Amino acid sequence: MADDLQFSWSLIGTGWATYRVADGESEQKSSPSYCTNALADLLIGVAGLYGPDAIRRFSFDLEPAEVRWVLSSRGVDVEIGIYRFPDMFKSFDLPDDDGELLWSSVQSRSVFGHVVVEAAQDVLRLHGEDGYRKKWVQHPFPINELGELRRLHLEGDACDLPHELPSSG
């Protein structure tokens, strides 16, 4: 299992974001568009890991490509796989292995949950809900999804790091 997990999410213009995930061994970056509610989908997917062993999938539209995240919960660890497909509209029913594996890592759920919560909180701190909506256009900031993941992370993980939810103004 790699350590040094880092995750960031940045709005880079109207309707575009960039995320970066790295584990000390490798990294992956992509720029999803607002055609999917990408940040909300990420938060919902990670929140789904707080329960019995489960697999969560969600996709980001790169116009036209798809980046599909596959999260496999294995107790306190999470297997993360990120796959790329050339066309989001043609890959909907394709199995994960038909895509190109861009990045994979095994992380503790606590660390993974924490870095995703922190990245979303950073976006909220920087833009606020109104600023996020102006930049993301199609979707509001996923405040409820962030709150739920934060709650699950605090209840389910032994994480000593700060978790203050910023003002959403």
C-alpha atoms as a PDB file:
ATOM      1  CA  MET A   1       0.000   0.000   0.000  1.00  0.00           C
ATOM      2  CA  ALA A   2       1.376   3.382  -0.999  1.00  0.00           C
ATOM      3  CA  ASP A   3       1.360   6.313   1.353  1.00  0.00           C
ATOM      4  CA  ASP A   4       1.545  10.057   0.760  1.00  0.00           C
ATOM      5  CA  LEU A   5      -1.912  10.205  -0.818  1.00  0.00           C
ATOM      6  CA  GLN A   6      -2.694  13.634  -2.221  1.00  0.00           C
ATOM      7  CA  PHE A   7      -5.877  14.817  -3.880  1.00  0.00           C
ATOM      8  CA  SER A   8      -6.869  18.227  -5.199  1.00  0.00           C
ATOM      9  CA  TRP A   9      -9.853  19.639  -7.072  1.00  0.00           C
ATOM     10  CA  SER A  10      -9.728  23.020  -8.817  1.00  0.00           C
ATOM     11  CA  LEU A  11     -12.205  24.927 -10.923  1.00  0.00           C
ATOM     12  CA  ILE A  12     -10.271  26.073 -13.990  1.00  0.00           C
ATOM     13  CA  GLY A  13     -12.826  28.059 -15.917  1.00  0.00           C
ATOM     14  CA  THR A  14     -16.480  28.074 -16.698  1.00  0.00           C
ATOM     15  CA  GLY A  15     -17.685  24.494 -16.605  1.00  0.00           C
ATOM     16  CA  TRP A  16     -14.282  22.843 -16.165  1.00  0.00           C
ATOM     17  CA  ALA A  17     -12.355  21.429 -13.230  1.00  0.00           C
ATOM     18  CA  THR A  18      -9.038  19.658 -12.799  1.00  0.00           C
ATOM     19  CA  TYR A  19      -8.327  17.001 -10.244  1.00  0.00           C
ATOM     20  CA  ARG A  20      -4.996  15.491  -9.329  1.00  0.00           C
ATOM     21  CA  VAL A  21      -4.547  12.288  -7.358  1.00  0.00           C
ATOM     22  CA  ALA A  22      -1.108  10.992  -6.397  1.00  0.00           C
ATOM     23  CA  ASP A  23       0.194   8.367  -3.999  1.00  0.00           C
ATOM     24  CA  GLY A  24       3.942   8.920  -3.867  1.00  0.00           C
ATOM     25  CA  GLU A  25       4.517   6.431  -6.690  1.00  0.00           C
ATOM     26  CA  SER A  26       2.410   7.878  -9.501  1.00  0.00           C
ATOM     27  CA  GLU A  27      -0.239  10.465 -10.238  1.00  0.00           C
ATOM     28  CA  GLN A  28      -3.228  10.997 -12.465  1.00  0.00           C
ATOM     29  CA  LYS A  29      -4.804  14.266 -13.602  1.00  0.00           C
ATOM     30  CA  SER A  30      -7.914  14.899 -15.653  1.00  0.00           C
ATOM     31  CA  SER A  31     -10.221  17.798 -16.415  1.00  0.00           C
ATOM     32  CA  PRO A  32     -13.902  16.888 -16.164  1.00  0.00           C
ATOM     33  CA  SER A  33     -16.602  19.159 -17.513  1.00  0.00           C
ATOM     34  CA  TYR A  34     -19.892  20.222 -16.028  1.00  0.00           C
ATOM     35  CA  CYS A  35     -21.738  17.740 -18.246  1.00  0.00           C
ATOM     36  CA  THR A  36     -21.613  15.514 -15.173  1.00  0.00           C
ATOM     37  CA  ASN A  37     -22.002  16.682 -11.591  1.00  0.00           C
ATOM     38  CA  ALA A  38     -18.450  15.505 -11.065  1.00  0.00           C
ATOM     39  CA  LEU A  39     -17.637  16.738  -7.556  1.00  0.00           C
ATOM     40  CA  ALA A  40     -20.986  15.537  -6.200  1.00  0.00           C
ATOM     41  CA  ASP A  41     -20.491  12.149  -7.893  1.00  0.00           C
ATOM     42  CA  LEU A  42     -17.057  11.832  -6.286  1.00  0.00           C
ATOM     43  CA  LEU A  43     -18.382  12.686  -2.822  1.00  0.00           C
ATOM     44  CA  ILE A  44     -21.305  10.250  -3.177  1.00  0.00           C
ATOM     45  CA  GLY A  45     -18.974   7.513  -4.423  1.00  0.00           C
ATOM     46  CA  VAL A  46     -16.559   7.900  -1.524  1.00  0.00           C
ATOM     47  CA  ALA A  47     -19.438   8.090   0.986  1.00  0.00           C
ATOM     48  CA  GLY A  48     -20.667   4.750  -0.366  1.00  0.00           C
ATOM     49  CA  LEU A  49     -17.498   3.125   0.967  1.00  0.00           C
ATOM     50  CA  TYR A  50     -18.687   3.572   4.563  1.00  0.00           C
ATOM     51  CA  GLY A  51     -20.571   0.337   4.930  1.00  0.00           C
ATOM     52  CA  PRO A  52     -20.036  -3.307   4.123  1.00  0.00           C
ATOM     53  CA  ASP A  53     -17.632  -4.299   1.368  1.00  0.00           C
ATOM     54  CA  ALA A  54     -18.829  -2.533  -1.740  1.00  0.00           C
ATOM     55  CA  ILE A  55     -17.854  -1.343  -5.191  1.00  0.00           C
ATOM     56  CA  ARG A  56     -18.697   2.190  -6.258  1.00  0.00           C
ATOM     57  CA  ARG A  57     -18.408   3.502  -9.813  1.00  0.00           C
ATOM     58  CA  PHE A  58     -18.818   7.007 -11.179  1.00  0.00           C
ATOM     59  CA  SER A  59     -17.705   8.721 -14.339  1.00  0.00           C
ATOM     60  CA  PHE A  60     -16.542  12.165 -15.341  1.00  0.00           C
ATOM     61  CA  ASP A  61     -17.205  13.552 -18.817  1.00  0.00           C
ATOM     62  CA  LEU A  62     -14.039  14.860 -20.458  1.00  0.00           C
ATOM     63  CA  GLU A  63     -15.924  15.736 -23.659  1.00  0.00           C
ATOM     64  CA  PRO A  64     -15.885  13.303 -25.377  1.00  0.00           C
ATOM     65  CA  ALA A  65     -13.806  10.876 -23.303  1.00  0.00           C
ATOM     66  CA  GLU A  66     -14.894   9.246 -20.046  1.00  0.00           C
ATOM     67  CA  VAL A  67     -12.839   8.791 -16.915  1.00  0.00           C
ATOM     68  CA  ARG A  68     -14.401   6.078 -14.764  1.00  0.00           C
ATOM     69  CA  TRP A  69     -13.465   5.711 -11.120  1.00  0.00           C
ATOM     70  CA  VAL A  70     -13.896   2.277  -9.558  1.00  0.00           C
ATOM     71  CA  LEU A  71     -13.650   2.163  -5.767  1.00  0.00           C
ATOM     72  CA  SER A  72     -13.586  -1.252  -4.131  1.00  0.00           C
ATOM     73  CA  SER A  73     -14.017  -1.301  -0.381  1.00  0.00           C
ATOM     74  CA  ARG A  74     -12.105  -4.041   1.405  1.00  0.00           C
ATOM     75  CA  GLY A  75     -12.703  -3.480   5.099  1.00  0.00           C
ATOM     76  CA  VAL A  76     -10.588  -0.493   6.100  1.00  0.00           C
ATOM     77  CA  ASP A  77      -8.815  -0.301   2.716  1.00  0.00           C
ATOM     78  CA  VAL A  78      -9.963   0.964  -0.657  1.00  0.00           C
ATOM     79  CA  GLU A  79      -8.726  -0.176  -4.056  1.00  0.00           C
ATOM     80  CA  ILE A  80      -8.890   2.791  -6.420  1.00  0.00           C
ATOM     81  CA  GLY A  81      -8.839   2.299 -10.185  1.00  0.00           C
ATOM     82  CA  ILE A  82      -9.233   5.088 -12.740  1.00  0.00           C
ATOM     83  CA  TYR A  83     -10.014   4.028 -16.312  1.00  0.00           C
ATOM     84  CA  ARG A  84     -10.221   6.068 -19.513  1.00  0.00           C
ATOM     85  CA  PHE A  85     -12.587   5.379 -22.370  1.00  0.00           C
ATOM     86  CA  PRO A  86     -12.424   7.315 -25.656  1.00  0.00           C
ATOM     87  CA  ASP A  87     -16.132   8.183 -25.842  1.00  0.00           C
ATOM     88  CA  MET A  88     -18.405   8.594 -22.824  1.00  0.00           C
ATOM     89  CA  PHE A  89     -21.545   7.865 -24.816  1.00  0.00           C
ATOM     90  CA  LYS A  90     -20.190   4.636 -26.315  1.00  0.00           C
ATOM     91  CA  SER A  91     -18.597   3.241 -23.140  1.00  0.00           C
ATOM     92  CA  PHE A  92     -21.622   3.292 -20.839  1.00  0.00           C
ATOM     93  CA  ASP A  93     -22.144  -0.484 -20.889  1.00  0.00           C
ATOM     94  CA  LEU A  94     -18.508  -1.509 -21.304  1.00  0.00           C
ATOM     95  CA  PRO A  95     -16.769  -3.372 -18.486  1.00  0.00           C
ATOM     96  CA  ASP A  96     -14.071  -1.492 -16.590  1.00  0.00           C
ATOM     97  CA  ASP A  97     -11.304  -3.626 -18.084  1.00  0.00           C
ATOM     98  CA  ASP A  98     -12.231  -2.429 -21.590  1.00  0.00           C
ATOM     99  CA  GLY A  99     -10.890   0.976 -20.586  1.00  0.00           C
ATOM    100  CA  GLU A 100      -7.276   2.017 -20.251  1.00  0.00           C
ATOM    101  CA  LEU A 101      -6.155   1.817 -16.627  1.00  0.00           C
ATOM    102  CA  LEU A 102      -4.677   5.267 -15.936  1.00  0.00           C
ATOM    103  CA  TRP A 103      -3.981   4.946 -12.227  1.00  0.00           C
ATOM    104  CA  SER A 104      -4.498   2.555  -9.366  1.00  0.00           C
ATOM    105  CA  SER A 105      -3.664   2.495  -5.699  1.00  0.00           C
ATOM    106  CA  VAL A 106      -4.690   0.856  -2.443  1.00  0.00           C
ATOM    107  CA  GLN A 107      -5.271   3.287   0.406  1.00  0.00           C
ATOM    108  CA  SER A 108      -6.842   3.226   3.803  1.00  0.00           C
ATOM    109  CA  ARG A 109     -10.430   4.436   3.674  1.00  0.00           C
ATOM    110  CA  SER A 110      -9.581   6.954   6.407  1.00  0.00           C
ATOM    111  CA  VAL A 111      -6.821   8.597   4.370  1.00  0.00           C
ATOM    112  CA  PHE A 112      -8.817   8.528   1.139  1.00  0.00           C
ATOM    113  CA  GLY A 113     -11.958   9.904   2.770  1.00  0.00           C
ATOM    114  CA  HIS A 114      -9.948  12.630   4.468  1.00  0.00           C
ATOM    115  CA  VAL A 115      -8.172  13.917   1.344  1.00  0.00           C
ATOM    116  CA  VAL A 116     -11.438  14.009  -0.622  1.00  0.00           C
ATOM    117  CA  VAL A 117     -13.241  15.895   2.179  1.00  0.00           C
ATOM    118  CA  GLU A 118     -10.329  18.352   2.428  1.00  0.00           C
ATOM    119  CA  ALA A 119     -10.256  18.980  -1.332  1.00  0.00           C
ATOM    120  CA  ALA A 120     -13.992  19.677  -1.466  1.00  0.00           C
ATOM    121  CA  GLN A 121     -13.758  21.939   1.599  1.00  0.00           C
ATOM    122  CA  ASP A 122     -10.919  23.841  -0.107  1.00  0.00           C
ATOM    123  CA  VAL A 123     -13.135  24.456  -3.145  1.00  0.00           C
ATOM    124  CA  LEU A 124     -15.926  25.715  -0.885  1.00  0.00           C
ATOM    125  CA  ARG A 125     -13.514  27.963   1.049  1.00  0.00           C
ATOM    126  CA  LEU A 126     -12.125  29.446  -2.151  1.00  0.00           C
ATOM    127  CA  HIS A 127     -15.353  29.991  -4.102  1.00  0.00           C
ATOM    128  CA  GLY A 128     -18.294  29.729  -1.693  1.00  0.00           C
ATOM    129  CA  GLU A 129     -21.549  28.258  -2.946  1.00  0.00           C
ATOM    130  CA  ASP A 130     -22.380  31.258  -5.132  1.00  0.00           C
ATOM    131  CA  GLY A 131     -18.930  31.433  -6.704  1.00  0.00           C
ATOM    132  CA  TYR A 132     -18.944  27.697  -7.346  1.00  0.00           C
ATOM    133  CA  ARG A 133     -22.312  27.919  -9.120  1.00  0.00           C
ATOM    134  CA  LYS A 134     -21.044  30.779 -11.298  1.00  0.00           C
ATOM    135  CA  LYS A 135     -18.033  28.728 -12.396  1.00  0.00           C
ATOM    136  CA  TRP A 136     -19.611  25.252 -12.545  1.00  0.00           C
ATOM    137  CA  VAL A 137     -22.859  26.624 -14.072  1.00  0.00           C
ATOM    138  CA  GLN A 138     -24.905  23.411 -14.411  1.00  0.00           C
ATOM    139  CA  HIS A 139     -24.818  22.287 -10.789  1.00  0.00           C
ATOM    140  CA  PRO A 140     -24.704  23.907  -7.330  1.00  0.00           C
ATOM    141  CA  PHE A 141     -21.938  23.143  -4.869  1.00  0.00           C
ATOM    142  CA  PRO A 142     -22.664  19.693  -3.371  1.00  0.00           C
ATOM    143  CA  ILE A 143     -22.961  20.936   0.213  1.00  0.00           C
ATOM    144  CA  ASN A 144     -25.203  18.078   1.383  1.00  0.00           C
ATOM    145  CA  GLU A 145     -22.952  15.450  -0.189  1.00  0.00           C
ATOM    146  CA  LEU A 146     -19.887  17.018   1.445  1.00  0.00           C
ATOM    147  CA  GLY A 147     -21.638  17.143   4.794  1.00  0.00           C
ATOM    148  CA  GLU A 148     -22.638  13.485   4.559  1.00  0.00           C
ATOM    149  CA  LEU A 149     -19.143  12.310   3.597  1.00  0.00           C
ATOM    150  CA  ARG A 150     -17.632  14.433   6.357  1.00  0.00           C
ATOM    151  CA  ARG A 151     -20.080  12.910   8.879  1.00  0.00           C
ATOM    152  CA  LEU A 152     -19.358   9.346   7.743  1.00  0.00           C
ATOM    153  CA  HIS A 153     -15.608   9.975   7.799  1.00  0.00           C
ATOM    154  CA  LEU A 154     -15.707  11.413  11.320  1.00  0.00           C
ATOM    155  CA  GLU A 155     -17.930   8.604  12.628  1.00  0.00           C
ATOM    156  CA  GLY A 156     -16.249   5.738  10.810  1.00  0.00           C
ATOM    157  CA  ASP A 157     -12.537   6.588  10.782  1.00  0.00           C
ATOM    158  CA  ALA A 158     -10.028   7.275  13.504  1.00  0.00           C
ATOM    159  CA  CYS A 159      -8.759  10.511  11.972  1.00  0.00           C
ATOM    160  CA  ASP A 160      -7.081  13.069  14.206  1.00  0.00           C
ATOM    161  CA  LEU A 161      -6.831  15.794  11.566  1.00  0.00           C
ATOM    162  CA  PRO A 162      -9.032  18.930  11.624  1.00  0.00           C
ATOM    163  CA  HIS A 163     -12.367  18.760   9.789  1.00  0.00           C
ATOM    164  CA  GLU A 164     -13.970  22.161  10.070  1.00  0.00           C
ATOM    165  CA  LEU A 165     -16.654  22.711   7.477  1.00  0.00           C
ATOM    166  CA  PRO A 166     -16.071  26.185   5.990  1.00  0.00           C
ATOM    167  CA  SER A 167     -18.768  28.795   5.659  1.00  0.00           C
ATOM    168  CA  SER A 168     -20.719  28.162   2.480  1.00  0.00           C
ATOM    169  CA  GLY A 169     -21.530  31.797   1.712  1.00  0.00           C
END
